[in-house]
Amino acid sequence: MRIRAATDADWPAVWPFLRQIVAAGETYTWPPDVDEATARGMWLLRPPGRTVVAVDPDGTVLGSAKLTPNQAGPGDHVANASFMVAPAAAGRGVGRALGEHVLDLARADGYRAMQFNAVVATNTRAVALWRSLGFEVVGRVPDGFRHPTEGYVDLLVMHRRL
C-alpha cells in the first residue's frame, strides 16, 4: 500500500465509501444524508489542510485521511485529523498506516500535538487504534452522539503530543 496526497481525481473513488460510512451513522458526526458537494468540500481540504489516500498497487483507493489545524489562530499548533477506510479494506492495516502517516505529516508541518474532538466511544476499533498510537482520552462528552442502534453514547476527546 502507498499513501500519497489526494487529488480531485481521487474523489470518485473516495465518495462511495465515505457516503456509506457517514450514512451508517455509527462513527461520524456528519449528517447521514450529506450531499456529495458538501462532503467533497469537507473532505478534500485546501492548505493548510491536507488530504491523503491509501492505494493498493493497482491504484484502488483503500482509505483516506485529512489533516488540518484543530483551531484557528493561537490554537493552530494542534492538529486535527479524520480517517475513513473503505469497508472492503477493513482489517488490512489501512487505518494504522494512515494514522502513522498523518502523525508524521503533522510533525513535519510543525504541529505540537494532535487532538480528535469526537471519537464515538462505541467505535472500539478506532479507540484501540488511537490508544496504540499514543493517544489518551482527555475528555468525554456524555451522550454526545446519537447512535442508530446503541442510542445516546459518549464522544471521546483524544490527544497526543507530537
N, C-alpha and C. Protein backbone atom coordinates (compact mmCIF):
# COMPACT_ATOMS: atom_id res chain seq x y z
N MET A 1 0.85 -1.18 0.00
CA MET A 1 0.00 0.00 0.00
C MET A 1 0.89 1.23 0.00
N ARG A 2 0.43 2.24 -0.71
CA ARG A 2 1.15 3.51 -0.78
C ARG A 2 0.20 4.60 -0.31
N ILE A 3 0.72 5.59 0.40
CA ILE A 3 -0.09 6.73 0.84
C ILE A 3 0.48 7.96 0.15
N ARG A 4 -0.42 8.71 -0.47
CA ARG A 4 0.00 9.89 -1.23
C ARG A 4 -1.04 10.99 -1.06
N ALA A 5 -0.67 12.19 -1.48
CA ALA A 5 -1.61 13.30 -1.46
C ALA A 5 -2.81 12.98 -2.35
N ALA A 6 -3.99 13.30 -1.86
CA ALA A 6 -5.20 13.11 -2.65
C ALA A 6 -5.29 14.19 -3.71
N THR A 7 -5.90 13.84 -4.84
CA THR A 7 -6.17 14.80 -5.90
C THR A 7 -7.67 14.82 -6.16
N ASP A 8 -8.11 15.81 -6.90
CA ASP A 8 -9.53 15.85 -7.27
C ASP A 8 -9.95 14.58 -8.00
N ALA A 9 -9.03 13.97 -8.73
CA ALA A 9 -9.34 12.75 -9.48
C ALA A 9 -9.61 11.56 -8.56
N ASP A 10 -9.22 11.64 -7.27
CA ASP A 10 -9.47 10.55 -6.33
C ASP A 10 -10.90 10.58 -5.77
N TRP A 11 -11.56 11.73 -5.87
CA TRP A 11 -12.87 11.87 -5.25
C TRP A 11 -13.87 10.79 -5.68
N PRO A 12 -13.98 10.45 -6.96
CA PRO A 12 -14.95 9.41 -7.34
C PRO A 12 -14.71 8.06 -6.65
N ALA A 13 -13.49 7.78 -6.23
CA ALA A 13 -13.21 6.55 -5.50
C ALA A 13 -13.47 6.69 -4.00
N VAL A 14 -13.29 7.89 -3.46
CA VAL A 14 -13.50 8.13 -2.03
C VAL A 14 -14.98 8.26 -1.71
N TRP A 15 -15.73 8.97 -2.53
CA TRP A 15 -17.13 9.28 -2.24
C TRP A 15 -17.97 8.05 -1.93
N PRO A 16 -17.91 6.95 -2.64
CA PRO A 16 -18.79 5.82 -2.31
C PRO A 16 -18.59 5.29 -0.89
N PHE A 17 -17.35 5.12 -0.44
CA PHE A 17 -17.19 4.59 0.92
C PHE A 17 -17.40 5.67 1.96
N LEU A 18 -17.07 6.92 1.66
CA LEU A 18 -17.37 8.00 2.59
C LEU A 18 -18.88 8.09 2.80
N ARG A 19 -19.62 8.06 1.71
CA ARG A 19 -21.08 8.13 1.79
C ARG A 19 -21.63 6.96 2.62
N GLN A 20 -21.13 5.75 2.38
CA GLN A 20 -21.58 4.57 3.11
C GLN A 20 -21.30 4.68 4.61
N ILE A 21 -20.10 5.12 4.95
CA ILE A 21 -19.72 5.25 6.37
C ILE A 21 -20.55 6.32 7.06
N VAL A 22 -20.69 7.47 6.43
CA VAL A 22 -21.45 8.56 7.03
C VAL A 22 -22.93 8.19 7.12
N ALA A 23 -23.49 7.57 6.08
CA ALA A 23 -24.91 7.19 6.09
C ALA A 23 -25.22 6.17 7.18
N ALA A 24 -24.26 5.33 7.53
CA ALA A 24 -24.48 4.34 8.59
C ALA A 24 -24.74 5.03 9.93
N GLY A 25 -24.20 6.23 10.11
CA GLY A 25 -24.47 7.00 11.32
C GLY A 25 -23.86 6.44 12.58
N GLU A 26 -22.82 5.61 12.47
CA GLU A 26 -22.26 4.95 13.64
C GLU A 26 -20.95 5.55 14.14
N THR A 27 -20.25 6.30 13.28
CA THR A 27 -18.90 6.74 13.66
C THR A 27 -18.59 8.20 13.36
N TYR A 28 -19.41 8.86 12.58
CA TYR A 28 -19.13 10.25 12.20
C TYR A 28 -20.26 11.16 12.63
N THR A 29 -19.89 12.38 13.05
CA THR A 29 -20.89 13.36 13.47
C THR A 29 -21.45 14.15 12.30
N TRP A 30 -21.14 13.75 11.10
CA TRP A 30 -21.69 14.41 9.91
C TRP A 30 -23.15 14.02 9.75
N PRO A 31 -23.94 14.87 9.08
CA PRO A 31 -25.32 14.48 8.78
C PRO A 31 -25.33 13.22 7.90
N PRO A 32 -26.08 12.20 8.27
CA PRO A 32 -26.07 10.95 7.49
C PRO A 32 -26.47 11.13 6.03
N ASP A 33 -27.22 12.17 5.73
CA ASP A 33 -27.66 12.40 4.35
C ASP A 33 -26.83 13.48 3.66
N VAL A 34 -25.59 13.68 4.10
CA VAL A 34 -24.74 14.72 3.50
C VAL A 34 -24.70 14.52 1.98
N ASP A 35 -24.80 15.63 1.27
CA ASP A 35 -24.76 15.53 -0.19
C ASP A 35 -23.31 15.52 -0.66
N GLU A 36 -23.13 15.09 -1.88
CA GLU A 36 -21.78 14.91 -2.41
C GLU A 36 -20.97 16.20 -2.44
N ALA A 37 -21.55 17.28 -2.88
CA ALA A 37 -20.81 18.54 -2.97
C ALA A 37 -20.33 19.00 -1.59
N THR A 38 -21.21 18.90 -0.60
CA THR A 38 -20.84 19.30 0.76
C THR A 38 -19.74 18.39 1.30
N ALA A 39 -19.90 17.09 1.10
CA ALA A 39 -18.90 16.13 1.58
C ALA A 39 -17.54 16.38 0.93
N ARG A 40 -17.57 16.61 -0.35
CA ARG A 40 -16.32 16.87 -1.07
C ARG A 40 -15.61 18.09 -0.48
N GLY A 41 -16.34 19.16 -0.23
CA GLY A 41 -15.76 20.35 0.36
C GLY A 41 -15.23 20.14 1.76
N MET A 42 -15.86 19.25 2.50
CA MET A 42 -15.43 18.96 3.86
C MET A 42 -14.23 18.00 3.90
N TRP A 43 -14.07 17.19 2.86
CA TRP A 43 -13.02 16.16 2.88
C TRP A 43 -11.77 16.56 2.09
N LEU A 44 -11.94 17.08 0.90
CA LEU A 44 -10.78 17.47 0.09
C LEU A 44 -10.36 18.88 0.49
N LEU A 45 -9.44 18.95 1.42
CA LEU A 45 -9.05 20.22 2.03
C LEU A 45 -8.05 20.99 1.18
N ARG A 46 -8.11 22.28 1.34
CA ARG A 46 -7.12 23.17 0.74
C ARG A 46 -6.14 23.58 1.85
N PRO A 47 -4.92 24.01 1.49
CA PRO A 47 -3.93 24.39 2.50
C PRO A 47 -4.50 25.43 3.48
N PRO A 48 -4.15 25.34 4.76
CA PRO A 48 -3.10 24.49 5.30
C PRO A 48 -3.53 23.04 5.53
N GLY A 49 -4.75 22.70 5.25
CA GLY A 49 -5.18 21.32 5.38
C GLY A 49 -4.57 20.44 4.31
N ARG A 50 -4.60 19.15 4.57
CA ARG A 50 -4.10 18.16 3.62
C ARG A 50 -5.06 16.98 3.62
N THR A 51 -5.21 16.36 2.47
CA THR A 51 -5.97 15.12 2.38
C THR A 51 -5.08 14.11 1.67
N VAL A 52 -5.07 12.89 2.18
CA VAL A 52 -4.27 11.82 1.59
C VAL A 52 -5.16 10.62 1.29
N VAL A 53 -4.67 9.76 0.42
CA VAL A 53 -5.34 8.49 0.14
C VAL A 53 -4.32 7.37 0.28
N ALA A 54 -4.81 6.22 0.72
CA ALA A 54 -4.03 4.98 0.73
C ALA A 54 -4.49 4.18 -0.47
N VAL A 55 -3.56 3.74 -1.29
CA VAL A 55 -3.90 2.99 -2.50
C VAL A 55 -3.11 1.69 -2.54
N ASP A 56 -3.74 0.66 -3.11
CA ASP A 56 -3.02 -0.59 -3.28
C ASP A 56 -2.22 -0.53 -4.58
N PRO A 57 -1.42 -1.54 -4.87
CA PRO A 57 -0.55 -1.46 -6.06
C PRO A 57 -1.28 -1.21 -7.38
N ASP A 58 -2.55 -1.64 -7.48
CA ASP A 58 -3.27 -1.39 -8.75
C ASP A 58 -3.95 -0.03 -8.78
N GLY A 59 -3.76 0.77 -7.72
CA GLY A 59 -4.33 2.11 -7.67
C GLY A 59 -5.67 2.22 -6.99
N THR A 60 -6.23 1.11 -6.52
CA THR A 60 -7.52 1.14 -5.82
C THR A 60 -7.38 1.92 -4.52
N VAL A 61 -8.27 2.88 -4.30
CA VAL A 61 -8.24 3.67 -3.07
C VAL A 61 -8.83 2.82 -1.94
N LEU A 62 -8.02 2.61 -0.91
CA LEU A 62 -8.41 1.78 0.24
C LEU A 62 -8.92 2.60 1.41
N GLY A 63 -8.52 3.85 1.47
CA GLY A 63 -8.91 4.72 2.57
C GLY A 63 -8.38 6.12 2.34
N SER A 64 -8.76 7.00 3.22
CA SER A 64 -8.37 8.40 3.09
C SER A 64 -8.31 9.02 4.47
N ALA A 65 -7.55 10.10 4.57
CA ALA A 65 -7.45 10.85 5.82
C ALA A 65 -7.27 12.32 5.48
N LYS A 66 -7.68 13.16 6.43
CA LYS A 66 -7.46 14.59 6.26
C LYS A 66 -6.83 15.13 7.53
N LEU A 67 -5.97 16.13 7.35
CA LEU A 67 -5.21 16.75 8.43
C LEU A 67 -5.41 18.25 8.33
N THR A 68 -5.72 18.88 9.45
CA THR A 68 -5.99 20.31 9.46
C THR A 68 -5.72 20.87 10.85
N PRO A 69 -5.52 22.16 11.00
CA PRO A 69 -5.43 22.71 12.36
C PRO A 69 -6.73 22.44 13.12
N ASN A 70 -6.60 22.10 14.39
CA ASN A 70 -7.79 21.84 15.20
C ASN A 70 -8.56 23.12 15.49
N GLN A 71 -7.85 24.21 15.63
CA GLN A 71 -8.45 25.51 15.89
C GLN A 71 -7.73 26.54 15.03
N ALA A 72 -8.26 27.73 14.99
CA ALA A 72 -7.63 28.83 14.26
C ALA A 72 -6.73 29.63 15.20
N GLY A 73 -5.98 30.55 14.63
CA GLY A 73 -5.20 31.50 15.42
C GLY A 73 -4.29 30.84 16.43
N PRO A 74 -4.39 31.25 17.70
CA PRO A 74 -3.47 30.76 18.72
C PRO A 74 -3.60 29.27 19.02
N GLY A 75 -4.59 28.60 18.44
CA GLY A 75 -4.74 27.16 18.64
C GLY A 75 -4.31 26.34 17.45
N ASP A 76 -3.72 27.00 16.44
CA ASP A 76 -3.42 26.29 15.21
C ASP A 76 -2.16 25.43 15.25
N HIS A 77 -1.52 25.33 16.41
CA HIS A 77 -0.35 24.46 16.57
C HIS A 77 -0.76 23.03 16.96
N VAL A 78 -2.06 22.81 17.18
CA VAL A 78 -2.58 21.48 17.47
C VAL A 78 -3.34 21.01 16.22
N ALA A 79 -2.99 19.83 15.75
CA ALA A 79 -3.61 19.28 14.55
C ALA A 79 -4.89 18.52 14.90
N ASN A 80 -5.70 18.36 13.89
CA ASN A 80 -6.89 17.51 13.96
C ASN A 80 -6.86 16.64 12.71
N ALA A 81 -7.40 15.46 12.80
CA ALA A 81 -7.41 14.58 11.63
C ALA A 81 -8.66 13.72 11.65
N SER A 82 -9.05 13.26 10.48
CA SER A 82 -10.18 12.35 10.31
C SER A 82 -9.75 11.26 9.35
N PHE A 83 -10.31 10.08 9.53
CA PHE A 83 -9.89 8.91 8.78
C PHE A 83 -11.11 8.11 8.33
N MET A 84 -11.03 7.58 7.13
CA MET A 84 -12.06 6.66 6.63
C MET A 84 -11.37 5.55 5.85
N VAL A 85 -11.76 4.33 6.16
CA VAL A 85 -11.24 3.16 5.46
C VAL A 85 -12.40 2.51 4.73
N ALA A 86 -12.21 2.21 3.47
CA ALA A 86 -13.25 1.53 2.70
C ALA A 86 -13.60 0.22 3.42
N PRO A 87 -14.89 -0.04 3.66
CA PRO A 87 -15.26 -1.28 4.36
C PRO A 87 -14.64 -2.53 3.74
N ALA A 88 -14.48 -2.56 2.44
CA ALA A 88 -13.88 -3.73 1.78
C ALA A 88 -12.41 -3.90 2.15
N ALA A 89 -11.77 -2.85 2.67
CA ALA A 89 -10.36 -2.91 3.04
C ALA A 89 -10.16 -3.05 4.55
N ALA A 90 -11.23 -3.19 5.31
CA ALA A 90 -11.13 -3.30 6.77
C ALA A 90 -10.26 -4.50 7.16
N GLY A 91 -9.49 -4.32 8.22
CA GLY A 91 -8.66 -5.40 8.73
C GLY A 91 -7.34 -5.59 8.00
N ARG A 92 -7.02 -4.70 7.08
CA ARG A 92 -5.79 -4.84 6.30
C ARG A 92 -4.70 -3.87 6.74
N GLY A 93 -4.91 -3.17 7.85
CA GLY A 93 -3.90 -2.24 8.36
C GLY A 93 -3.93 -0.87 7.72
N VAL A 94 -4.99 -0.58 6.98
CA VAL A 94 -5.09 0.71 6.29
C VAL A 94 -5.22 1.85 7.30
N GLY A 95 -6.07 1.68 8.30
CA GLY A 95 -6.25 2.72 9.30
C GLY A 95 -4.97 3.02 10.06
N ARG A 96 -4.25 1.98 10.45
CA ARG A 96 -2.98 2.18 11.16
C ARG A 96 -1.98 2.90 10.25
N ALA A 97 -1.86 2.46 9.00
CA ALA A 97 -0.92 3.09 8.08
C ALA A 97 -1.27 4.56 7.88
N LEU A 98 -2.56 4.86 7.69
CA LEU A 98 -2.98 6.25 7.55
C LEU A 98 -2.68 7.04 8.82
N GLY A 99 -2.97 6.45 9.98
CA GLY A 99 -2.71 7.14 11.25
C GLY A 99 -1.24 7.48 11.42
N GLU A 100 -0.37 6.51 11.17
CA GLU A 100 1.07 6.75 11.30
C GLU A 100 1.53 7.80 10.30
N HIS A 101 1.02 7.73 9.09
CA HIS A 101 1.41 8.68 8.05
C HIS A 101 0.98 10.11 8.42
N VAL A 102 -0.24 10.25 8.89
CA VAL A 102 -0.74 11.58 9.24
C VAL A 102 -0.01 12.14 10.46
N LEU A 103 0.34 11.29 11.41
CA LEU A 103 1.15 11.77 12.53
C LEU A 103 2.51 12.29 12.03
N ASP A 104 3.11 11.59 11.08
CA ASP A 104 4.37 12.06 10.50
C ASP A 104 4.19 13.38 9.77
N LEU A 105 3.10 13.49 8.99
CA LEU A 105 2.82 14.75 8.30
C LEU A 105 2.65 15.90 9.29
N ALA A 106 1.92 15.63 10.36
CA ALA A 106 1.68 16.68 11.36
C ALA A 106 2.99 17.14 11.99
N ARG A 107 3.86 16.20 12.31
CA ARG A 107 5.17 16.57 12.86
C ARG A 107 5.93 17.42 11.85
N ALA A 108 5.96 16.97 10.59
CA ALA A 108 6.69 17.69 9.54
C ALA A 108 6.13 19.09 9.33
N ASP A 109 4.82 19.25 9.54
CA ASP A 109 4.17 20.55 9.37
C ASP A 109 4.35 21.45 10.60
N GLY A 110 4.99 20.95 11.64
CA GLY A 110 5.28 21.76 12.82
C GLY A 110 4.22 21.76 13.91
N TYR A 111 3.22 20.89 13.78
CA TYR A 111 2.24 20.80 14.86
C TYR A 111 2.91 20.24 16.11
N ARG A 112 2.41 20.64 17.27
CA ARG A 112 2.96 20.18 18.54
C ARG A 112 2.17 19.04 19.15
N ALA A 113 0.93 18.85 18.67
CA ALA A 113 0.07 17.80 19.21
C ALA A 113 -1.03 17.51 18.19
N MET A 114 -1.76 16.43 18.45
CA MET A 114 -2.93 16.12 17.63
C MET A 114 -4.08 15.81 18.58
N GLN A 115 -5.24 16.31 18.21
CA GLN A 115 -6.44 16.11 19.03
C GLN A 115 -7.58 15.65 18.14
N PHE A 116 -8.29 14.64 18.60
CA PHE A 116 -9.53 14.21 17.97
C PHE A 116 -10.67 14.68 18.87
N ASN A 117 -11.59 15.44 18.33
CA ASN A 117 -12.63 16.06 19.13
C ASN A 117 -13.85 15.18 19.37
N ALA A 118 -14.04 14.17 18.54
CA ALA A 118 -15.30 13.43 18.62
C ALA A 118 -15.14 11.98 18.17
N VAL A 119 -14.46 11.18 18.98
CA VAL A 119 -14.35 9.75 18.69
C VAL A 119 -15.52 9.06 19.39
N VAL A 120 -16.36 8.42 18.62
CA VAL A 120 -17.54 7.76 19.18
C VAL A 120 -17.07 6.60 20.07
N ALA A 121 -17.49 6.61 21.32
CA ALA A 121 -16.99 5.64 22.30
C ALA A 121 -17.28 4.20 21.90
N THR A 122 -18.35 3.96 21.17
CA THR A 122 -18.67 2.59 20.75
C THR A 122 -17.84 2.15 19.54
N ASN A 123 -17.06 3.03 18.96
CA ASN A 123 -16.18 2.68 17.85
C ASN A 123 -14.88 2.11 18.44
N THR A 124 -15.01 0.91 19.00
CA THR A 124 -13.93 0.33 19.80
C THR A 124 -12.67 0.07 18.98
N ARG A 125 -12.82 -0.25 17.69
CA ARG A 125 -11.62 -0.47 16.86
C ARG A 125 -10.83 0.82 16.73
N ALA A 126 -11.52 1.94 16.50
CA ALA A 126 -10.82 3.21 16.38
C ALA A 126 -10.19 3.61 17.71
N VAL A 127 -10.93 3.47 18.81
CA VAL A 127 -10.39 3.84 20.11
C VAL A 127 -9.13 3.02 20.40
N ALA A 128 -9.16 1.73 20.13
CA ALA A 128 -8.00 0.87 20.36
C ALA A 128 -6.82 1.28 19.47
N LEU A 129 -7.11 1.60 18.22
CA LEU A 129 -6.05 2.02 17.31
C LEU A 129 -5.40 3.30 17.81
N TRP A 130 -6.21 4.29 18.15
CA TRP A 130 -5.63 5.57 18.58
C TRP A 130 -4.85 5.40 19.88
N ARG A 131 -5.35 4.58 20.79
CA ARG A 131 -4.59 4.33 22.03
C ARG A 131 -3.24 3.68 21.69
N SER A 132 -3.24 2.73 20.75
CA SER A 132 -1.99 2.06 20.39
C SER A 132 -1.00 3.01 19.72
N LEU A 133 -1.50 4.10 19.17
CA LEU A 133 -0.64 5.11 18.56
C LEU A 133 -0.31 6.26 19.52
N GLY A 134 -0.59 6.07 20.80
CA GLY A 134 -0.17 7.02 21.81
C GLY A 134 -1.19 8.05 22.24
N PHE A 135 -2.43 7.96 21.74
CA PHE A 135 -3.46 8.91 22.15
C PHE A 135 -4.04 8.52 23.50
N GLU A 136 -4.42 9.52 24.25
CA GLU A 136 -5.10 9.32 25.53
C GLU A 136 -6.46 10.01 25.47
N VAL A 137 -7.40 9.46 26.21
CA VAL A 137 -8.69 10.13 26.36
C VAL A 137 -8.49 11.24 27.38
N VAL A 138 -8.72 12.49 26.95
CA VAL A 138 -8.55 13.64 27.84
C VAL A 138 -9.89 14.28 28.19
N GLY A 139 -10.94 13.78 27.57
CA GLY A 139 -12.27 14.30 27.87
C GLY A 139 -13.34 13.38 27.32
N ARG A 140 -14.53 13.57 27.84
CA ARG A 140 -15.67 12.74 27.45
C ARG A 140 -16.90 13.63 27.44
N VAL A 141 -17.65 13.56 26.33
CA VAL A 141 -18.91 14.28 26.23
C VAL A 141 -20.01 13.25 26.46
N PRO A 142 -20.62 13.25 27.64
CA PRO A 142 -21.64 12.25 27.93
C PRO A 142 -22.82 12.36 26.96
N ASP A 143 -23.22 11.23 26.40
CA ASP A 143 -24.37 11.16 25.49
C ASP A 143 -24.24 12.14 24.32
N GLY A 144 -23.01 12.39 23.86
CA GLY A 144 -22.77 13.38 22.83
C GLY A 144 -23.05 12.91 21.41
N PHE A 145 -23.45 11.65 21.25
CA PHE A 145 -23.67 11.10 19.91
C PHE A 145 -24.91 10.21 19.91
N ARG A 146 -25.76 10.41 18.91
CA ARG A 146 -26.96 9.56 18.76
C ARG A 146 -26.64 8.41 17.82
N HIS A 147 -26.34 7.27 18.39
CA HIS A 147 -26.00 6.08 17.62
C HIS A 147 -27.30 5.42 17.14
N PRO A 148 -27.35 4.94 15.90
CA PRO A 148 -28.61 4.41 15.37
C PRO A 148 -29.12 3.15 16.08
N THR A 149 -28.23 2.38 16.71
CA THR A 149 -28.71 1.17 17.40
C THR A 149 -28.41 1.19 18.90
N GLU A 150 -27.39 1.93 19.32
CA GLU A 150 -27.00 1.96 20.73
C GLU A 150 -27.63 3.12 21.50
N GLY A 151 -28.32 4.00 20.79
CA GLY A 151 -28.89 5.18 21.45
C GLY A 151 -27.82 6.22 21.72
N TYR A 152 -27.99 6.98 22.78
CA TYR A 152 -27.02 8.03 23.11
C TYR A 152 -25.76 7.39 23.70
N VAL A 153 -24.63 7.72 23.09
CA VAL A 153 -23.34 7.21 23.57
C VAL A 153 -22.38 8.39 23.69
N ASP A 154 -21.31 8.16 24.43
CA ASP A 154 -20.34 9.23 24.68
C ASP A 154 -19.46 9.49 23.47
N LEU A 155 -19.00 10.73 23.38
CA LEU A 155 -17.94 11.12 22.45
C LEU A 155 -16.67 11.31 23.27
N LEU A 156 -15.56 10.81 22.76
CA LEU A 156 -14.28 10.94 23.44
C LEU A 156 -13.44 12.02 22.77
N VAL A 157 -12.75 12.79 23.58
CA VAL A 157 -11.74 13.72 23.09
C VAL A 157 -10.41 13.03 23.36
N MET A 158 -9.66 12.79 22.29
CA MET A 158 -8.38 12.07 22.41
C MET A 158 -7.25 12.99 21.96
N HIS A 159 -6.10 12.85 22.59
CA HIS A 159 -4.99 13.79 22.38
C HIS A 159 -3.66 13.05 22.51
N ARG A 160 -2.68 13.52 21.77
CA ARG A 160 -1.30 13.08 21.98
C ARG A 160 -0.35 14.19 21.55
N ARG A 161 0.74 14.29 22.27
CA ARG A 161 1.80 15.24 21.89
C ARG A 161 2.59 14.65 20.73
N LEU A 162 3.14 15.54 19.93
CA LEU A 162 3.99 15.09 18.82
C LEU A 162 5.44 15.39 19.12
